[in-house]
N, C-alpha and C. Protein backbone atom coordinates (compact mmCIF):
# COMPACT_ATOMS: atom_id res chain seq x y z
N MET A 1 -134.56 91.70 62.71
CA MET A 1 -134.28 93.12 62.51
C MET A 1 -133.03 93.50 63.30
N ARG A 2 -132.13 94.23 62.67
CA ARG A 2 -130.87 94.59 63.33
C ARG A 2 -131.08 95.75 64.30
N THR A 3 -130.31 95.72 65.38
CA THR A 3 -130.35 96.81 66.36
C THR A 3 -129.18 97.74 66.09
N SER A 4 -129.47 99.02 65.91
CA SER A 4 -128.42 100.00 65.62
C SER A 4 -127.84 100.55 66.91
N ILE A 5 -126.51 100.65 66.94
CA ILE A 5 -125.83 101.12 68.15
C ILE A 5 -124.75 102.13 67.80
N ALA A 6 -124.27 102.83 68.83
CA ALA A 6 -123.10 103.68 68.73
C ALA A 6 -122.19 103.35 69.91
N LEU A 7 -120.89 103.52 69.72
CA LEU A 7 -119.90 103.24 70.77
C LEU A 7 -119.20 104.54 71.14
N VAL A 8 -119.09 104.80 72.44
CA VAL A 8 -118.44 106.03 72.91
C VAL A 8 -117.40 105.67 73.96
N ASP A 9 -116.13 105.92 73.64
CA ASP A 9 -115.03 105.61 74.56
C ASP A 9 -113.81 106.38 74.10
N ASP A 10 -113.03 106.91 75.04
CA ASP A 10 -111.85 107.69 74.65
C ASP A 10 -110.64 106.80 74.37
N ASN A 11 -110.76 105.51 74.63
CA ASN A 11 -109.68 104.57 74.34
C ASN A 11 -109.87 104.03 72.92
N ARG A 12 -109.11 104.55 71.98
CA ARG A 12 -109.30 104.20 70.57
C ARG A 12 -109.02 102.73 70.30
N TYR A 13 -108.03 102.18 71.00
CA TYR A 13 -107.74 100.76 70.81
C TYR A 13 -108.93 99.91 71.28
N LEU A 14 -109.48 100.26 72.43
CA LEU A 14 -110.59 99.49 72.98
C LEU A 14 -111.83 99.61 72.10
N ILE A 15 -112.11 100.81 71.63
CA ILE A 15 -113.31 101.00 70.82
C ILE A 15 -113.18 100.24 69.50
N ARG A 16 -111.96 100.16 68.99
CA ARG A 16 -111.74 99.38 67.76
C ARG A 16 -111.91 97.89 68.04
N SER A 17 -111.41 97.44 69.18
CA SER A 17 -111.53 96.03 69.55
C SER A 17 -112.99 95.63 69.75
N ILE A 18 -113.75 96.47 70.46
CA ILE A 18 -115.18 96.17 70.68
C ILE A 18 -115.92 96.16 69.35
N SER A 19 -115.61 97.11 68.49
CA SER A 19 -116.27 97.18 67.18
C SER A 19 -116.01 95.91 66.38
N GLN A 20 -114.76 95.47 66.37
CA GLN A 20 -114.41 94.27 65.61
C GLN A 20 -115.12 93.03 66.14
N ASN A 21 -115.32 92.98 67.44
CA ASN A 21 -116.02 91.84 68.03
C ASN A 21 -117.52 91.88 67.75
N LEU A 22 -118.11 93.07 67.81
CA LEU A 22 -119.56 93.17 67.65
C LEU A 22 -120.02 93.03 66.21
N VAL A 23 -119.17 93.38 65.25
CA VAL A 23 -119.59 93.26 63.85
C VAL A 23 -119.77 91.80 63.45
N CYS A 24 -119.27 90.89 64.26
CA CYS A 24 -119.46 89.47 63.98
C CYS A 24 -120.90 89.02 64.23
N PHE A 25 -121.67 89.85 64.90
CA PHE A 25 -123.06 89.51 65.23
C PHE A 25 -123.98 90.18 64.22
N GLU A 26 -124.70 89.36 63.46
CA GLU A 26 -125.55 89.89 62.40
C GLU A 26 -126.66 90.79 62.92
N GLU A 27 -127.07 90.60 64.18
CA GLU A 27 -128.18 91.38 64.71
C GLU A 27 -127.78 92.78 65.15
N ILE A 28 -126.49 93.10 65.07
CA ILE A 28 -125.99 94.40 65.52
C ILE A 28 -125.46 95.21 64.34
N GLU A 29 -125.85 96.48 64.29
CA GLU A 29 -125.33 97.41 63.28
C GLU A 29 -124.71 98.60 64.00
N ILE A 30 -123.41 98.82 63.81
CA ILE A 30 -122.73 99.95 64.43
C ILE A 30 -122.84 101.16 63.51
N LEU A 31 -123.56 102.18 63.95
CA LEU A 31 -123.75 103.37 63.11
C LEU A 31 -122.54 104.29 63.15
N PHE A 32 -121.96 104.47 64.35
CA PHE A 32 -120.79 105.34 64.45
C PHE A 32 -120.10 105.12 65.79
N THR A 33 -118.90 105.66 65.91
CA THR A 33 -118.17 105.68 67.18
C THR A 33 -117.83 107.13 67.51
N ALA A 34 -117.60 107.39 68.78
CA ALA A 34 -117.20 108.73 69.23
C ALA A 34 -116.25 108.56 70.41
N TYR A 35 -115.48 109.61 70.68
CA TYR A 35 -114.41 109.49 71.67
C TYR A 35 -114.63 110.33 72.93
N ASP A 36 -115.75 111.05 73.01
CA ASP A 36 -116.14 111.70 74.26
C ASP A 36 -117.59 112.11 74.16
N GLY A 37 -118.16 112.56 75.28
CA GLY A 37 -119.57 112.89 75.32
C GLY A 37 -119.97 114.00 74.37
N GLY A 38 -119.12 115.01 74.25
CA GLY A 38 -119.43 116.11 73.36
C GLY A 38 -119.50 115.67 71.91
N GLU A 39 -118.60 114.78 71.52
CA GLU A 39 -118.59 114.31 70.14
C GLU A 39 -119.83 113.49 69.81
N VAL A 40 -120.26 112.64 70.74
CA VAL A 40 -121.45 111.84 70.45
C VAL A 40 -122.69 112.73 70.33
N LEU A 41 -122.79 113.76 71.17
CA LEU A 41 -123.93 114.68 71.07
C LEU A 41 -123.94 115.40 69.73
N GLU A 42 -122.78 115.82 69.29
CA GLU A 42 -122.68 116.51 68.00
C GLU A 42 -123.10 115.58 66.87
N LYS A 43 -122.68 114.34 66.93
CA LYS A 43 -123.04 113.39 65.88
C LYS A 43 -124.54 113.09 65.90
N LEU A 44 -125.11 113.00 67.08
CA LEU A 44 -126.54 112.74 67.18
C LEU A 44 -127.36 113.87 66.57
N LYS A 45 -126.86 115.10 66.70
CA LYS A 45 -127.58 116.25 66.15
C LYS A 45 -127.57 116.26 64.63
N ASN A 46 -126.56 115.62 64.04
CA ASN A 46 -126.38 115.74 62.60
C ASN A 46 -126.60 114.46 61.81
N ILE A 47 -126.79 113.35 62.50
CA ILE A 47 -126.94 112.07 61.80
C ILE A 47 -128.38 111.88 61.35
N ALA A 48 -128.56 111.22 60.22
CA ALA A 48 -129.91 111.00 59.68
C ALA A 48 -130.67 109.95 60.47
N GLU A 49 -129.97 108.91 60.90
CA GLU A 49 -130.60 107.81 61.64
C GLU A 49 -129.99 107.71 63.03
N LEU A 50 -130.82 107.83 64.05
CA LEU A 50 -130.33 107.74 65.42
C LEU A 50 -130.13 106.29 65.83
N PRO A 51 -129.10 106.01 66.62
CA PRO A 51 -128.93 104.64 67.12
C PRO A 51 -130.00 104.32 68.16
N GLN A 52 -130.34 103.06 68.26
CA GLN A 52 -131.29 102.64 69.30
C GLN A 52 -130.63 102.54 70.67
N VAL A 53 -129.34 102.18 70.65
CA VAL A 53 -128.60 101.97 71.90
C VAL A 53 -127.22 102.59 71.77
N ILE A 54 -126.74 103.18 72.86
CA ILE A 54 -125.37 103.69 72.93
C ILE A 54 -124.64 102.98 74.05
N LEU A 55 -123.46 102.44 73.74
CA LEU A 55 -122.56 101.90 74.76
C LEU A 55 -121.63 103.03 75.18
N MET A 56 -121.68 103.42 76.44
CA MET A 56 -121.03 104.66 76.89
C MET A 56 -120.00 104.41 77.98
N ASP A 57 -118.78 104.89 77.76
CA ASP A 57 -117.76 104.89 78.80
C ASP A 57 -118.07 106.00 79.80
N ILE A 58 -117.44 105.99 80.96
CA ILE A 58 -117.69 107.04 81.96
C ILE A 58 -116.63 108.13 81.92
N GLU A 59 -115.37 107.76 82.14
CA GLU A 59 -114.33 108.77 82.25
C GLU A 59 -113.78 109.15 80.89
N MET A 60 -114.20 110.31 80.40
CA MET A 60 -113.73 110.84 79.12
C MET A 60 -113.60 112.35 79.26
N GLU A 61 -112.76 112.93 78.42
CA GLU A 61 -112.61 114.39 78.41
C GLU A 61 -112.78 114.89 76.97
N PRO A 62 -113.34 116.09 76.80
CA PRO A 62 -113.74 117.03 77.85
C PRO A 62 -115.08 116.73 78.51
N MET A 63 -115.96 115.94 77.87
CA MET A 63 -117.25 115.64 78.49
C MET A 63 -117.31 114.17 78.88
N ASP A 64 -117.58 113.92 80.16
CA ASP A 64 -117.64 112.54 80.66
C ASP A 64 -118.94 111.86 80.27
N GLY A 65 -118.98 110.55 80.47
CA GLY A 65 -120.12 109.76 80.03
C GLY A 65 -121.39 109.98 80.82
N ILE A 66 -121.27 110.31 82.10
CA ILE A 66 -122.48 110.54 82.91
C ILE A 66 -123.17 111.83 82.49
N THR A 67 -122.38 112.88 82.27
CA THR A 67 -122.96 114.13 81.77
C THR A 67 -123.60 113.92 80.41
N ALA A 68 -122.90 113.20 79.54
CA ALA A 68 -123.44 112.93 78.20
C ALA A 68 -124.72 112.12 78.28
N THR A 69 -124.76 111.15 79.19
CA THR A 69 -125.96 110.33 79.35
C THR A 69 -127.17 111.20 79.72
N ALA A 70 -126.98 112.10 80.67
CA ALA A 70 -128.08 112.98 81.09
C ALA A 70 -128.57 113.85 79.94
N LEU A 71 -127.64 114.37 79.15
CA LEU A 71 -128.02 115.24 78.03
C LEU A 71 -128.71 114.45 76.91
N ILE A 72 -128.21 113.26 76.64
CA ILE A 72 -128.83 112.43 75.60
C ILE A 72 -130.24 112.03 76.01
N ARG A 73 -130.41 111.67 77.27
CA ARG A 73 -131.74 111.29 77.73
C ARG A 73 -132.70 112.48 77.68
N LYS A 74 -132.17 113.68 77.83
CA LYS A 74 -133.01 114.88 77.77
C LYS A 74 -133.43 115.21 76.35
N TYR A 75 -132.46 115.17 75.42
CA TYR A 75 -132.72 115.62 74.05
C TYR A 75 -133.07 114.49 73.09
N PHE A 76 -132.67 113.28 73.43
CA PHE A 76 -132.97 112.11 72.57
C PHE A 76 -133.52 110.99 73.45
N PRO A 77 -134.71 111.17 74.03
CA PRO A 77 -135.22 110.24 75.05
C PRO A 77 -135.48 108.82 74.57
N ASP A 78 -135.56 108.62 73.27
CA ASP A 78 -135.81 107.27 72.76
C ASP A 78 -134.56 106.40 72.73
N ILE A 79 -133.39 107.03 72.86
CA ILE A 79 -132.14 106.27 72.82
C ILE A 79 -131.87 105.65 74.19
N LYS A 80 -131.56 104.36 74.20
CA LYS A 80 -131.20 103.66 75.43
C LYS A 80 -129.68 103.70 75.59
N ILE A 81 -129.23 103.85 76.82
CA ILE A 81 -127.79 103.95 77.08
C ILE A 81 -127.37 102.87 78.06
N ILE A 82 -126.34 102.13 77.66
CA ILE A 82 -125.72 101.14 78.54
C ILE A 82 -124.32 101.64 78.88
N ILE A 83 -124.03 101.81 80.15
CA ILE A 83 -122.68 102.17 80.56
C ILE A 83 -121.78 100.95 80.40
N LEU A 84 -120.63 101.16 79.78
CA LEU A 84 -119.63 100.09 79.62
C LEU A 84 -118.35 100.63 80.24
N SER A 85 -118.03 100.17 81.44
CA SER A 85 -116.98 100.82 82.23
C SER A 85 -116.17 99.81 83.02
N VAL A 86 -115.05 100.30 83.56
CA VAL A 86 -114.24 99.49 84.47
C VAL A 86 -114.58 99.81 85.92
N PHE A 87 -115.37 100.85 86.14
CA PHE A 87 -115.65 101.31 87.49
C PHE A 87 -116.73 100.48 88.17
N THR A 88 -116.46 100.10 89.42
CA THR A 88 -117.45 99.36 90.21
C THR A 88 -117.84 100.12 91.48
N GLU A 89 -117.37 101.36 91.61
CA GLU A 89 -117.69 102.15 92.80
C GLU A 89 -119.17 102.51 92.83
N ASP A 90 -119.74 102.50 94.03
CA ASP A 90 -121.17 102.79 94.18
C ASP A 90 -121.56 104.13 93.58
N ASP A 91 -120.72 105.17 93.82
CA ASP A 91 -121.12 106.49 93.36
C ASP A 91 -121.21 106.56 91.84
N LYS A 92 -120.30 105.87 91.14
CA LYS A 92 -120.34 105.86 89.68
C LYS A 92 -121.60 105.16 89.18
N ILE A 93 -121.91 104.03 89.80
CA ILE A 93 -123.08 103.24 89.38
C ILE A 93 -124.35 104.06 89.53
N PHE A 94 -124.53 104.68 90.69
CA PHE A 94 -125.79 105.35 90.96
C PHE A 94 -125.87 106.71 90.27
N GLU A 95 -124.74 107.35 90.04
CA GLU A 95 -124.75 108.57 89.23
C GLU A 95 -125.19 108.25 87.82
N ALA A 96 -124.70 107.13 87.29
CA ALA A 96 -125.08 106.72 85.93
C ALA A 96 -126.56 106.40 85.84
N ILE A 97 -127.08 105.69 86.84
CA ILE A 97 -128.50 105.35 86.85
C ILE A 97 -129.35 106.60 86.98
N ARG A 98 -128.95 107.51 87.87
CA ARG A 98 -129.70 108.75 88.03
C ARG A 98 -129.67 109.59 86.76
N ALA A 99 -128.56 109.52 86.02
CA ALA A 99 -128.45 110.28 84.78
C ALA A 99 -129.35 109.73 83.68
N GLY A 100 -129.79 108.48 83.83
CA GLY A 100 -130.70 107.91 82.85
C GLY A 100 -130.21 106.67 82.15
N ALA A 101 -129.07 106.13 82.59
CA ALA A 101 -128.58 104.89 81.96
C ALA A 101 -129.55 103.75 82.22
N SER A 102 -129.75 102.92 81.21
CA SER A 102 -130.67 101.79 81.33
C SER A 102 -129.97 100.50 81.69
N GLY A 103 -128.64 100.50 81.67
CA GLY A 103 -127.87 99.31 82.01
C GLY A 103 -126.46 99.68 82.38
N TYR A 104 -125.73 98.74 83.00
CA TYR A 104 -124.36 99.00 83.43
C TYR A 104 -123.58 97.70 83.33
N LEU A 105 -122.64 97.66 82.39
CA LEU A 105 -121.81 96.48 82.19
C LEU A 105 -120.35 96.81 82.43
N LEU A 106 -119.60 95.83 82.90
CA LEU A 106 -118.16 95.98 83.02
C LEU A 106 -117.50 95.63 81.69
N LYS A 107 -116.35 96.23 81.44
CA LYS A 107 -115.70 96.07 80.14
C LYS A 107 -115.15 94.67 79.90
N ASP A 108 -115.07 93.86 80.95
CA ASP A 108 -114.56 92.51 80.74
C ASP A 108 -115.65 91.52 80.34
N GLU A 109 -116.87 92.02 80.13
CA GLU A 109 -117.94 91.13 79.68
C GLU A 109 -117.64 90.62 78.27
N LYS A 110 -118.04 89.38 78.01
CA LYS A 110 -117.85 88.80 76.69
C LYS A 110 -118.78 89.47 75.69
N SER A 111 -118.39 89.43 74.42
CA SER A 111 -119.16 90.09 73.37
C SER A 111 -120.60 89.59 73.32
N ALA A 112 -120.78 88.27 73.48
CA ALA A 112 -122.14 87.71 73.44
C ALA A 112 -123.00 88.27 74.56
N ARG A 113 -122.41 88.50 75.71
CA ARG A 113 -123.14 89.09 76.84
C ARG A 113 -123.53 90.53 76.52
N ILE A 114 -122.63 91.28 75.88
CA ILE A 114 -122.93 92.66 75.51
C ILE A 114 -124.09 92.70 74.52
N VAL A 115 -124.06 91.79 73.54
CA VAL A 115 -125.14 91.73 72.56
C VAL A 115 -126.46 91.38 73.24
N ASP A 116 -126.41 90.44 74.18
CA ASP A 116 -127.62 90.07 74.92
C ASP A 116 -128.16 91.26 75.70
N ALA A 117 -127.25 92.06 76.28
CA ALA A 117 -127.66 93.24 77.03
C ALA A 117 -128.30 94.28 76.11
N ILE A 118 -127.76 94.43 74.92
CA ILE A 118 -128.33 95.36 73.95
C ILE A 118 -129.76 94.95 73.62
N GLU A 119 -129.97 93.67 73.39
CA GLU A 119 -131.32 93.17 73.08
C GLU A 119 -132.26 93.38 74.27
N GLN A 120 -131.75 93.15 75.47
CA GLN A 120 -132.59 93.33 76.66
C GLN A 120 -133.03 94.78 76.83
N VAL A 121 -132.09 95.71 76.62
CA VAL A 121 -132.42 97.11 76.87
C VAL A 121 -133.40 97.64 75.84
N VAL A 122 -133.32 97.14 74.60
CA VAL A 122 -134.28 97.53 73.58
C VAL A 122 -135.69 97.09 73.96
N GLU A 123 -135.77 95.96 74.65
CA GLU A 123 -137.07 95.41 75.06
C GLU A 123 -137.55 95.96 76.40
N GLY A 124 -136.82 96.94 76.93
CA GLY A 124 -137.26 97.56 78.17
C GLY A 124 -136.57 97.07 79.42
N GLY A 125 -135.58 96.19 79.27
CA GLY A 125 -134.86 95.67 80.42
C GLY A 125 -133.77 96.61 80.89
N ALA A 126 -133.10 96.21 81.96
CA ALA A 126 -132.01 97.01 82.53
C ALA A 126 -130.84 96.08 82.84
N PRO A 127 -130.10 95.66 81.82
CA PRO A 127 -129.02 94.68 82.02
C PRO A 127 -127.87 95.23 82.86
N MET A 128 -127.35 94.39 83.72
CA MET A 128 -126.21 94.76 84.55
C MET A 128 -125.28 93.56 84.70
N SER A 129 -123.99 93.84 84.83
CA SER A 129 -123.06 92.78 85.20
C SER A 129 -123.45 92.28 86.59
N PRO A 130 -123.25 90.99 86.88
CA PRO A 130 -123.68 90.44 88.18
C PRO A 130 -123.19 91.23 89.38
N SER A 131 -121.92 91.65 89.38
CA SER A 131 -121.40 92.38 90.54
C SER A 131 -122.07 93.73 90.70
N ILE A 132 -122.43 94.36 89.58
CA ILE A 132 -123.12 95.65 89.63
C ILE A 132 -124.54 95.45 90.13
N ALA A 133 -125.20 94.39 89.66
CA ALA A 133 -126.56 94.11 90.11
C ALA A 133 -126.58 93.83 91.61
N GLN A 134 -125.56 93.12 92.11
CA GLN A 134 -125.49 92.83 93.54
C GLN A 134 -125.37 94.11 94.34
N LYS A 135 -124.52 95.04 93.86
CA LYS A 135 -124.35 96.32 94.55
C LYS A 135 -125.66 97.10 94.56
N THR A 136 -126.35 97.09 93.41
CA THR A 136 -127.62 97.81 93.31
C THR A 136 -128.64 97.21 94.26
N LEU A 137 -128.70 95.88 94.29
CA LEU A 137 -129.65 95.20 95.18
C LEU A 137 -129.33 95.48 96.64
N GLN A 138 -128.04 95.47 96.99
CA GLN A 138 -127.64 95.74 98.37
C GLN A 138 -128.02 97.16 98.77
N TRP A 139 -127.81 98.09 97.84
CA TRP A 139 -128.17 99.48 98.10
C TRP A 139 -129.67 99.61 98.34
N LEU A 140 -130.45 98.93 97.51
CA LEU A 140 -131.90 98.99 97.65
C LEU A 140 -132.36 98.37 98.97
N ARG A 141 -131.69 97.29 99.36
CA ARG A 141 -132.05 96.63 100.62
C ARG A 141 -131.74 97.52 101.82
N ASN A 142 -130.66 98.31 101.71
CA ASN A 142 -130.24 99.15 102.83
C ASN A 142 -130.93 100.51 102.84
N ALA A 143 -131.62 100.83 101.74
CA ALA A 143 -132.29 102.13 101.67
C ALA A 143 -133.42 102.18 102.69
N PRO A 144 -133.60 103.33 103.34
CA PRO A 144 -134.68 103.43 104.32
C PRO A 144 -136.04 103.27 103.65
N PRO A 145 -136.95 102.58 104.30
CA PRO A 145 -138.28 102.41 103.70
C PRO A 145 -139.00 103.74 103.59
N PRO A 146 -139.81 103.92 102.56
CA PRO A 146 -140.54 105.18 102.41
C PRO A 146 -141.57 105.33 103.51
N ALA A 147 -141.77 106.59 103.92
CA ALA A 147 -142.78 106.85 104.94
C ALA A 147 -144.16 106.60 104.35
N SER A 148 -144.78 105.54 104.79
CA SER A 148 -146.08 105.18 104.24
C SER A 148 -146.82 104.29 105.21
N THR A 149 -148.10 104.42 105.25
CA THR A 149 -148.91 103.56 106.10
C THR A 149 -149.60 102.48 105.28
N ALA A 150 -149.26 102.42 103.99
CA ALA A 150 -149.91 101.45 103.11
C ALA A 150 -149.50 100.04 103.51
N ALA A 151 -150.39 99.10 103.36
CA ALA A 151 -150.11 97.71 103.69
C ALA A 151 -149.09 97.13 102.72
N THR A 152 -148.25 96.21 103.23
CA THR A 152 -147.29 95.55 102.37
C THR A 152 -148.02 94.67 101.36
N LEU A 153 -147.61 94.78 100.12
CA LEU A 153 -148.23 93.99 99.06
C LEU A 153 -147.45 92.70 98.85
N THR A 154 -148.12 91.67 98.45
CA THR A 154 -147.49 90.38 98.17
C THR A 154 -147.39 90.18 96.66
N PRO A 155 -146.56 89.24 96.22
CA PRO A 155 -146.52 88.94 94.78
C PRO A 155 -147.90 88.59 94.24
N GLN A 156 -148.71 87.96 95.08
CA GLN A 156 -150.06 87.58 94.64
C GLN A 156 -150.94 88.81 94.41
N SER A 157 -150.58 89.93 95.06
CA SER A 157 -151.35 91.16 94.84
C SER A 157 -151.25 91.61 93.39
N PHE A 158 -150.14 91.22 92.74
CA PHE A 158 -149.92 91.59 91.34
C PHE A 158 -150.14 90.39 90.41
N ASP A 159 -150.67 89.31 90.96
CA ASP A 159 -150.90 88.09 90.18
C ASP A 159 -149.62 87.48 89.64
N LEU A 160 -148.50 87.70 90.35
CA LEU A 160 -147.25 87.06 89.95
C LEU A 160 -147.33 85.57 90.27
N THR A 161 -146.92 84.76 89.32
CA THR A 161 -146.87 83.32 89.56
C THR A 161 -145.60 82.96 90.32
N LYS A 162 -145.54 81.74 90.83
CA LYS A 162 -144.34 81.27 91.52
C LYS A 162 -143.14 81.30 90.58
N ARG A 163 -143.35 80.92 89.33
CA ARG A 163 -142.27 80.93 88.34
C ARG A 163 -141.79 82.35 88.07
N GLU A 164 -142.71 83.29 87.94
CA GLU A 164 -142.32 84.68 87.67
C GLU A 164 -141.53 85.26 88.83
N LEU A 165 -141.93 84.95 90.06
CA LEU A 165 -141.19 85.43 91.23
C LEU A 165 -139.80 84.80 91.27
N GLU A 166 -139.72 83.53 90.90
CA GLU A 166 -138.43 82.83 90.85
C GLU A 166 -137.51 83.50 89.84
N ILE A 167 -138.05 83.85 88.68
CA ILE A 167 -137.26 84.52 87.65
C ILE A 167 -136.84 85.91 88.12
N LEU A 168 -137.73 86.63 88.80
CA LEU A 168 -137.39 87.95 89.32
C LEU A 168 -136.24 87.86 90.32
N GLU A 169 -136.22 86.82 91.14
CA GLU A 169 -135.12 86.60 92.08
C GLU A 169 -133.80 86.44 91.33
N HIS A 170 -133.81 85.66 90.25
CA HIS A 170 -132.59 85.44 89.48
C HIS A 170 -132.16 86.69 88.73
N ILE A 171 -133.12 87.46 88.24
CA ILE A 171 -132.80 88.73 87.58
C ILE A 171 -132.11 89.66 88.57
N ALA A 172 -132.57 89.65 89.82
CA ALA A 172 -132.05 90.55 90.84
C ALA A 172 -130.58 90.30 91.15
N ILE A 173 -130.10 89.06 90.95
CA ILE A 173 -128.69 88.78 91.22
C ILE A 173 -127.85 88.87 89.96
N GLY A 174 -128.44 89.39 88.88
CA GLY A 174 -127.66 89.72 87.70
C GLY A 174 -127.50 88.63 86.67
N LEU A 175 -128.28 87.56 86.74
CA LEU A 175 -128.16 86.50 85.75
C LEU A 175 -128.78 86.91 84.43
N THR A 176 -128.21 86.43 83.33
CA THR A 176 -128.76 86.68 82.00
C THR A 176 -129.95 85.76 81.76
N TYR A 177 -130.70 86.05 80.69
CA TYR A 177 -131.82 85.18 80.33
C TYR A 177 -131.33 83.74 80.11
N GLN A 178 -130.19 83.59 79.45
CA GLN A 178 -129.67 82.26 79.17
C GLN A 178 -129.28 81.54 80.46
N GLN A 179 -128.63 82.25 81.37
CA GLN A 179 -128.23 81.64 82.64
C GLN A 179 -129.45 81.24 83.47
N ILE A 180 -130.47 82.08 83.47
CA ILE A 180 -131.70 81.75 84.19
C ILE A 180 -132.36 80.52 83.56
N GLY A 181 -132.40 80.51 82.23
CA GLY A 181 -132.99 79.37 81.53
C GLY A 181 -132.28 78.07 81.85
N ASP A 182 -130.93 78.13 81.90
CA ASP A 182 -130.15 76.93 82.21
C ASP A 182 -130.47 76.43 83.63
N LYS A 183 -130.62 77.35 84.57
CA LYS A 183 -130.91 76.96 85.95
C LYS A 183 -132.30 76.36 86.10
N LEU A 184 -133.25 76.90 85.33
CA LEU A 184 -134.64 76.48 85.49
C LEU A 184 -135.07 75.47 84.44
N PHE A 185 -134.12 75.11 83.55
CA PHE A 185 -134.38 74.11 82.50
C PHE A 185 -135.50 74.57 81.55
N ILE A 186 -135.44 75.85 81.20
CA ILE A 186 -136.35 76.41 80.20
C ILE A 186 -135.52 77.22 79.22
N SER A 187 -136.09 77.61 78.10
CA SER A 187 -135.34 78.35 77.09
C SER A 187 -135.22 79.82 77.49
N SER A 188 -134.20 80.48 76.92
CA SER A 188 -134.02 81.91 77.19
C SER A 188 -135.21 82.72 76.67
N LYS A 189 -135.84 82.24 75.59
CA LYS A 189 -137.02 82.93 75.06
C LYS A 189 -138.17 82.86 76.06
N THR A 190 -138.30 81.73 76.73
CA THR A 190 -139.34 81.60 77.74
C THR A 190 -139.07 82.54 78.91
N VAL A 191 -137.80 82.64 79.31
CA VAL A 191 -137.42 83.57 80.38
C VAL A 191 -137.76 85.00 79.97
N ARG A 192 -137.43 85.33 78.73
CA ARG A 192 -137.70 86.68 78.22
C ARG A 192 -139.21 86.99 78.29
N LYS A 193 -140.03 86.00 77.91
CA LYS A 193 -141.48 86.20 77.93
C LYS A 193 -141.98 86.37 79.36
N HIS A 194 -141.46 85.56 80.28
CA HIS A 194 -141.84 85.71 81.69
C HIS A 194 -141.47 87.11 82.19
N THR A 195 -140.28 87.59 81.79
CA THR A 195 -139.83 88.91 82.22
C THR A 195 -140.76 90.01 81.72
N GLU A 196 -141.17 89.89 80.47
CA GLU A 196 -142.13 90.86 79.91
C GLU A 196 -143.43 90.85 80.72
N ASN A 197 -143.88 89.65 81.11
CA ASN A 197 -145.10 89.54 81.90
C ASN A 197 -144.93 90.17 83.29
N ILE A 198 -143.73 89.99 83.86
CA ILE A 198 -143.44 90.58 85.17
C ILE A 198 -143.54 92.10 85.09
N TYR A 199 -142.89 92.69 84.08
CA TYR A 199 -142.93 94.15 83.92
C TYR A 199 -144.36 94.63 83.77
N GLN A 200 -145.14 93.90 82.97
CA GLN A 200 -146.52 94.31 82.72
C GLN A 200 -147.36 94.24 84.00
N LYS A 201 -147.20 93.15 84.75
CA LYS A 201 -147.99 92.98 85.97
C LYS A 201 -147.60 93.98 87.06
N LEU A 202 -146.31 94.31 87.14
CA LEU A 202 -145.85 95.25 88.17
C LEU A 202 -145.98 96.70 87.73
N HIS A 203 -146.32 96.90 86.46
CA HIS A 203 -146.44 98.26 85.90
C HIS A 203 -145.11 99.01 86.01
N VAL A 204 -144.03 98.32 85.63
CA VAL A 204 -142.69 98.92 85.61
C VAL A 204 -142.11 98.76 84.22
N HIS A 205 -140.99 99.45 83.99
CA HIS A 205 -140.40 99.44 82.66
C HIS A 205 -138.94 98.99 82.66
N SER A 206 -138.41 98.61 83.81
CA SER A 206 -137.01 98.21 83.85
C SER A 206 -136.78 97.24 84.99
N LYS A 207 -135.62 96.59 84.92
CA LYS A 207 -135.23 95.65 85.98
C LYS A 207 -135.05 96.38 87.31
N VAL A 208 -134.43 97.55 87.28
CA VAL A 208 -134.21 98.30 88.52
C VAL A 208 -135.54 98.61 89.20
N GLU A 209 -136.54 99.04 88.42
CA GLU A 209 -137.84 99.36 88.99
C GLU A 209 -138.50 98.11 89.58
N ALA A 210 -138.38 96.99 88.88
CA ALA A 210 -138.98 95.75 89.36
C ALA A 210 -138.32 95.30 90.66
N ILE A 211 -136.99 95.38 90.71
CA ILE A 211 -136.26 94.98 91.92
C ILE A 211 -136.60 95.91 93.08
N GLN A 212 -136.69 97.20 92.79
CA GLN A 212 -137.00 98.17 93.84
C GLN A 212 -138.37 97.89 94.45
N LEU A 213 -139.35 97.59 93.61
CA LEU A 213 -140.69 97.27 94.10
C LEU A 213 -140.68 95.98 94.92
N ALA A 214 -139.98 94.96 94.40
CA ALA A 214 -139.91 93.69 95.11
C ALA A 214 -139.21 93.85 96.45
N ASN A 215 -138.14 94.65 96.48
CA ASN A 215 -137.42 94.88 97.72
C ASN A 215 -138.27 95.64 98.73
N LYS A 216 -139.03 96.61 98.23
CA LYS A 216 -139.89 97.42 99.11
C LYS A 216 -140.85 96.54 99.90
N HIS A 217 -141.31 95.46 99.27
CA HIS A 217 -142.29 94.59 99.91
C HIS A 217 -141.68 93.26 100.36
N ASN A 218 -140.31 93.22 100.41
CA ASN A 218 -139.61 92.06 100.97
C ASN A 218 -139.92 90.75 100.26
N TRP A 219 -139.90 90.79 98.92
CA TRP A 219 -140.13 89.57 98.16
C TRP A 219 -138.85 88.80 97.89
N LEU A 220 -137.69 89.48 98.00
CA LEU A 220 -136.43 88.89 97.54
C LEU A 220 -135.69 88.18 98.65
N GLY A 221 -134.67 87.41 98.24
CA GLY A 221 -133.80 86.75 99.20
C GLY A 221 -134.16 85.32 99.51
N ASN A 222 -134.88 84.67 98.59
CA ASN A 222 -135.31 83.29 98.85
C ASN A 222 -134.54 82.25 98.05
N ILE A 223 -133.53 82.68 97.26
CA ILE A 223 -132.78 81.70 96.48
C ILE A 223 -131.33 81.69 96.92
């Protein structure tokens, strides 16, 4: 089944280039493109079929991508948004996440990686470029612990297997399913299934939530 997407970027050359690259993938259907946040919102209000995923730039005028992301998540909550940007600054990353973005990729990612991220986000994942994932993980590690007297939980408290914890470690540093599979000598489909099991056992819906929980209880940093 094809995944429907929309592309939003004020750089017309870039949006045309991305479109030309993504149409080569049979599993992707591009419903429309837009050149700023206001335009994509207008199209969403009037289109018969909503896209499942939107690839969103950040700096656009008159409406930027972070504002648009927050509004889309409010009025069209079923749509997943992946930020596709050149920005690596902490404030941009976390503003996008707070606005409701489900993933954050840099524009120099290869087309196959973007397609993989689209598939991940549809399945409830939170794909990020490795450098962005590292920043997110570092931020989570440096965040003050919540005021709580609850005992620290172990992976075994959630029935996580050694393999699932190993995969969670690799997810935390931004590796794709394929890269994790190559390292562990298993298929990307097997990695995907393990990830689904991790989300279910931890009662989370995204990579960021899983990493945050693991960091809270000091499970990470063993690879």
